Amino acid sequence: MKNANTLLIGAMLSLATLMPLSAVAQAAGDAGKAATTTAASMTDGEVRKIDKDAGKITIKHGDIKHLEMPGMTMVFTAKDKALLDKAQAGDKIRFMVINEGGKMVVTAIEPAK
């Protein structure tokens, strides 16, 4: 019985030493996601509506790859209302969007080429 207890204790100690490694691996994975977001790219879209007073823009867009979001039409908040002066309804654009605490925020708008 003594050998079984020794093996059990040894196994428990081995598992305890591996737990911090899994936390490190998870943190490394989170850092990789942050790097992907930092390396985000512009997304093609078409302006459907602009509400300058509210700082909102409705865009029909393609896949937003860095956010793993499929194409759809949705309302975004402009980081700076002045961005909304760069487009009007019907314009084909390229835009940058980030996720700020669950809120999709447009940080750049340029005409599509």
C-alpha atoms as a PDB file:
ATOM      1  CA  MET A   1       0.000   0.000   0.000  1.00  0.00           C
ATOM      2  CA  LYS A   2       2.926   2.278   0.710  1.00  0.00           C
ATOM      3  CA  ASN A   3       4.063   2.075  -2.950  1.00  0.00           C
ATOM      4  CA  ALA A   4       0.574   2.979  -4.223  1.00  0.00           C
ATOM      5  CA  ASN A   5       0.425   6.057  -1.984  1.00  0.00           C
ATOM      6  CA  THR A   6       3.921   7.097  -3.058  1.00  0.00           C
ATOM      7  CA  LEU A   7       2.923   6.758  -6.734  1.00  0.00           C
ATOM      8  CA  LEU A   8      -0.270   8.732  -6.164  1.00  0.00           C
ATOM      9  CA  ILE A   9       1.558  11.552  -4.396  1.00  0.00           C
ATOM     10  CA  GLY A  10       4.213  11.576  -7.114  1.00  0.00           C
ATOM     11  CA  ALA A  11       1.539  11.794  -9.819  1.00  0.00           C
ATOM     12  CA  MET A  12      -0.223  14.647  -8.008  1.00  0.00           C
ATOM     13  CA  LEU A  13       3.028  16.591  -7.667  1.00  0.00           C
ATOM     14  CA  SER A  14       3.795  16.054 -11.357  1.00  0.00           C
ATOM     15  CA  LEU A  15       0.386  17.432 -12.315  1.00  0.00           C
ATOM     16  CA  ALA A  16       0.822  20.409 -10.020  1.00  0.00           C
ATOM     17  CA  THR A  17       4.071  21.355 -11.739  1.00  0.00           C
ATOM     18  CA  LEU A  18       2.426  21.150 -15.173  1.00  0.00           C
ATOM     19  CA  MET A  19      -0.439  23.491 -14.303  1.00  0.00           C
ATOM     20  CA  PRO A  20       1.623  26.691 -14.461  1.00  0.00           C
ATOM     21  CA  LEU A  21       2.955  25.610 -17.867  1.00  0.00           C
ATOM     22  CA  SER A  22      -0.580  25.450 -19.247  1.00  0.00           C
ATOM     23  CA  ALA A  23      -1.188  28.985 -17.985  1.00  0.00           C
ATOM     24  CA  VAL A  24       1.983  30.123 -19.771  1.00  0.00           C
ATOM     25  CA  ALA A  25       0.854  28.384 -22.965  1.00  0.00           C
ATOM     26  CA  GLN A  26      -2.533  30.095 -22.757  1.00  0.00           C
ATOM     27  CA  ALA A  27      -0.896  33.495 -22.237  1.00  0.00           C
ATOM     28  CA  ALA A  28       1.303  32.881 -25.271  1.00  0.00           C
ATOM     29  CA  GLY A  29      -1.814  32.062 -27.301  1.00  0.00           C
ATOM     30  CA  ASP A  30      -3.478  35.280 -26.123  1.00  0.00           C
ATOM     31  CA  ALA A  31      -0.384  37.244 -27.158  1.00  0.00           C
ATOM     32  CA  GLY A  32      -0.633  35.659 -30.605  1.00  0.00           C
ATOM     33  CA  LYS A  33      -4.228  36.835 -30.917  1.00  0.00           C
ATOM     34  CA  ALA A  34      -3.194  40.351 -29.902  1.00  0.00           C
ATOM     35  CA  ALA A  35      -0.490  40.326 -32.567  1.00  0.00           C
ATOM     36  CA  THR A  36      -3.074  39.255 -35.154  1.00  0.00           C
ATOM     37  CA  THR A  37      -5.356  42.107 -34.136  1.00  0.00           C
ATOM     38  CA  THR A  38      -2.454  44.557 -34.286  1.00  0.00           C
ATOM     39  CA  ALA A  39      -1.689  43.360 -37.810  1.00  0.00           C
ATOM     40  CA  ALA A  40      -5.295  43.952 -38.861  1.00  0.00           C
ATOM     41  CA  SER A  41      -6.049  44.888 -42.440  1.00  0.00           C
ATOM     42  CA  MET A  42      -8.531  47.134 -44.173  1.00  0.00           C
ATOM     43  CA  THR A  43     -11.909  45.651 -45.105  1.00  0.00           C
ATOM     44  CA  ASP A  44     -13.918  46.400 -48.254  1.00  0.00           C
ATOM     45  CA  GLY A  45     -17.395  47.775 -47.795  1.00  0.00           C
ATOM     46  CA  GLU A  46     -20.186  49.967 -49.106  1.00  0.00           C
ATOM     47  CA  VAL A  47     -21.618  52.801 -47.045  1.00  0.00           C
ATOM     48  CA  ARG A  48     -25.364  52.402 -46.556  1.00  0.00           C
ATOM     49  CA  LYS A  49     -26.055  55.230 -44.096  1.00  0.00           C
ATOM     50  CA  ILE A  50     -24.224  57.866 -42.052  1.00  0.00           C
ATOM     51  CA  ASP A  51     -25.518  59.482 -38.849  1.00  0.00           C
ATOM     52  CA  LYS A  52     -22.956  62.204 -38.105  1.00  0.00           C
ATOM     53  CA  ASP A  53     -24.748  63.437 -34.989  1.00  0.00           C
ATOM     54  CA  ALA A  54     -24.603  59.983 -33.400  1.00  0.00           C
ATOM     55  CA  GLY A  55     -21.147  59.197 -34.824  1.00  0.00           C
ATOM     56  CA  LYS A  56     -22.467  56.038 -36.529  1.00  0.00           C
ATOM     57  CA  ILE A  57     -21.942  54.546 -39.974  1.00  0.00           C
ATOM     58  CA  THR A  58     -23.799  51.617 -41.518  1.00  0.00           C
ATOM     59  CA  ILE A  59     -21.592  49.538 -43.789  1.00  0.00           C
ATOM     60  CA  LYS A  60     -22.299  46.476 -45.926  1.00  0.00           C
ATOM     61  CA  HIS A  61     -18.936  44.731 -45.621  1.00  0.00           C
ATOM     62  CA  GLY A  62     -17.040  41.632 -46.615  1.00  0.00           C
ATOM     63  CA  ASP A  63     -15.360  39.303 -44.139  1.00  0.00           C
ATOM     64  CA  ILE A  64     -13.456  41.133 -41.398  1.00  0.00           C
ATOM     65  CA  LYS A  65     -10.693  38.557 -41.157  1.00  0.00           C
ATOM     66  CA  HIS A  66      -8.788  39.907 -38.149  1.00  0.00           C
ATOM     67  CA  LEU A  67     -12.015  39.803 -36.104  1.00  0.00           C
ATOM     68  CA  GLU A  68     -13.173  36.498 -37.634  1.00  0.00           C
ATOM     69  CA  MET A  69     -16.458  38.168 -38.632  1.00  0.00           C
ATOM     70  CA  PRO A  70     -18.380  37.148 -41.759  1.00  0.00           C
ATOM     71  CA  GLY A  71     -19.652  39.678 -44.255  1.00  0.00           C
ATOM     72  CA  MET A  72     -22.892  41.455 -43.335  1.00  0.00           C
ATOM     73  CA  THR A  73     -24.468  44.894 -43.013  1.00  0.00           C
ATOM     74  CA  MET A  74     -24.029  46.498 -39.617  1.00  0.00           C
ATOM     75  CA  VAL A  75     -23.779  49.781 -37.751  1.00  0.00           C
ATOM     76  CA  PHE A  76     -20.357  50.836 -36.483  1.00  0.00           C
ATOM     77  CA  THR A  77     -19.296  53.666 -34.186  1.00  0.00           C
ATOM     78  CA  ALA A  78     -16.698  56.075 -35.582  1.00  0.00           C
ATOM     79  CA  LYS A  79     -13.647  56.564 -33.361  1.00  0.00           C
ATOM     80  CA  ASP A  80     -13.673  60.194 -34.496  1.00  0.00           C
ATOM     81  CA  LYS A  81     -16.775  61.799 -36.046  1.00  0.00           C
ATOM     82  CA  ALA A  82     -14.510  63.563 -38.557  1.00  0.00           C
ATOM     83  CA  LEU A  83     -13.983  60.158 -40.223  1.00  0.00           C
ATOM     84  CA  LEU A  84     -17.599  60.310 -41.360  1.00  0.00           C
ATOM     85  CA  ASP A  85     -16.784  63.317 -43.581  1.00  0.00           C
ATOM     86  CA  LYS A  86     -14.696  60.988 -45.766  1.00  0.00           C
ATOM     87  CA  ALA A  87     -17.692  59.069 -47.130  1.00  0.00           C
ATOM     88  CA  GLN A  88     -21.338  59.246 -48.061  1.00  0.00           C
ATOM     89  CA  ALA A  89     -24.102  56.720 -48.640  1.00  0.00           C
ATOM     90  CA  GLY A  90     -23.370  54.594 -51.707  1.00  0.00           C
ATOM     91  CA  ASP A  91     -19.570  55.031 -51.570  1.00  0.00           C
ATOM     92  CA  LYS A  92     -17.335  51.984 -51.930  1.00  0.00           C
ATOM     93  CA  ILE A  93     -14.755  52.191 -49.146  1.00  0.00           C
ATOM     94  CA  ARG A  94     -12.005  50.381 -47.325  1.00  0.00           C
ATOM     95  CA  PHE A  95     -12.146  50.700 -43.569  1.00  0.00           C
ATOM     96  CA  MET A  96     -10.387  49.599 -40.406  1.00  0.00           C
ATOM     97  CA  VAL A  97     -12.443  48.350 -37.486  1.00  0.00           C
ATOM     98  CA  ILE A  98     -11.389  47.277 -34.013  1.00  0.00           C
ATOM     99  CA  ASN A  99     -13.218  45.661 -31.138  1.00  0.00           C
ATOM    100  CA  GLU A 100     -13.163  47.978 -28.121  1.00  0.00           C
ATOM    101  CA  GLY A 101     -14.756  46.110 -25.246  1.00  0.00           C
ATOM    102  CA  GLY A 102     -17.320  44.426 -27.474  1.00  0.00           C
ATOM    103  CA  LYS A 103     -18.077  47.602 -29.445  1.00  0.00           C
ATOM    104  CA  MET A 104     -17.081  47.647 -33.141  1.00  0.00           C
ATOM    105  CA  VAL A 105     -15.278  50.946 -33.773  1.00  0.00           C
ATOM    106  CA  VAL A 106     -14.163  52.281 -37.175  1.00  0.00           C
ATOM    107  CA  THR A 107     -10.725  53.878 -36.892  1.00  0.00           C
ATOM    108  CA  ALA A 108      -9.996  54.643 -40.566  1.00  0.00           C
ATOM    109  CA  ILE A 109     -11.927  55.128 -43.808  1.00  0.00           C
ATOM    110  CA  GLU A 110     -10.542  55.529 -47.321  1.00  0.00           C
ATOM    111  CA  PRO A 111     -12.064  55.332 -50.809  1.00  0.00           C
ATOM    112  CA  ALA A 112     -11.914  51.879 -52.406  1.00  0.00           C
ATOM    113  CA  LYS A 113      -9.539  51.563 -55.337  1.00  0.00           C
END
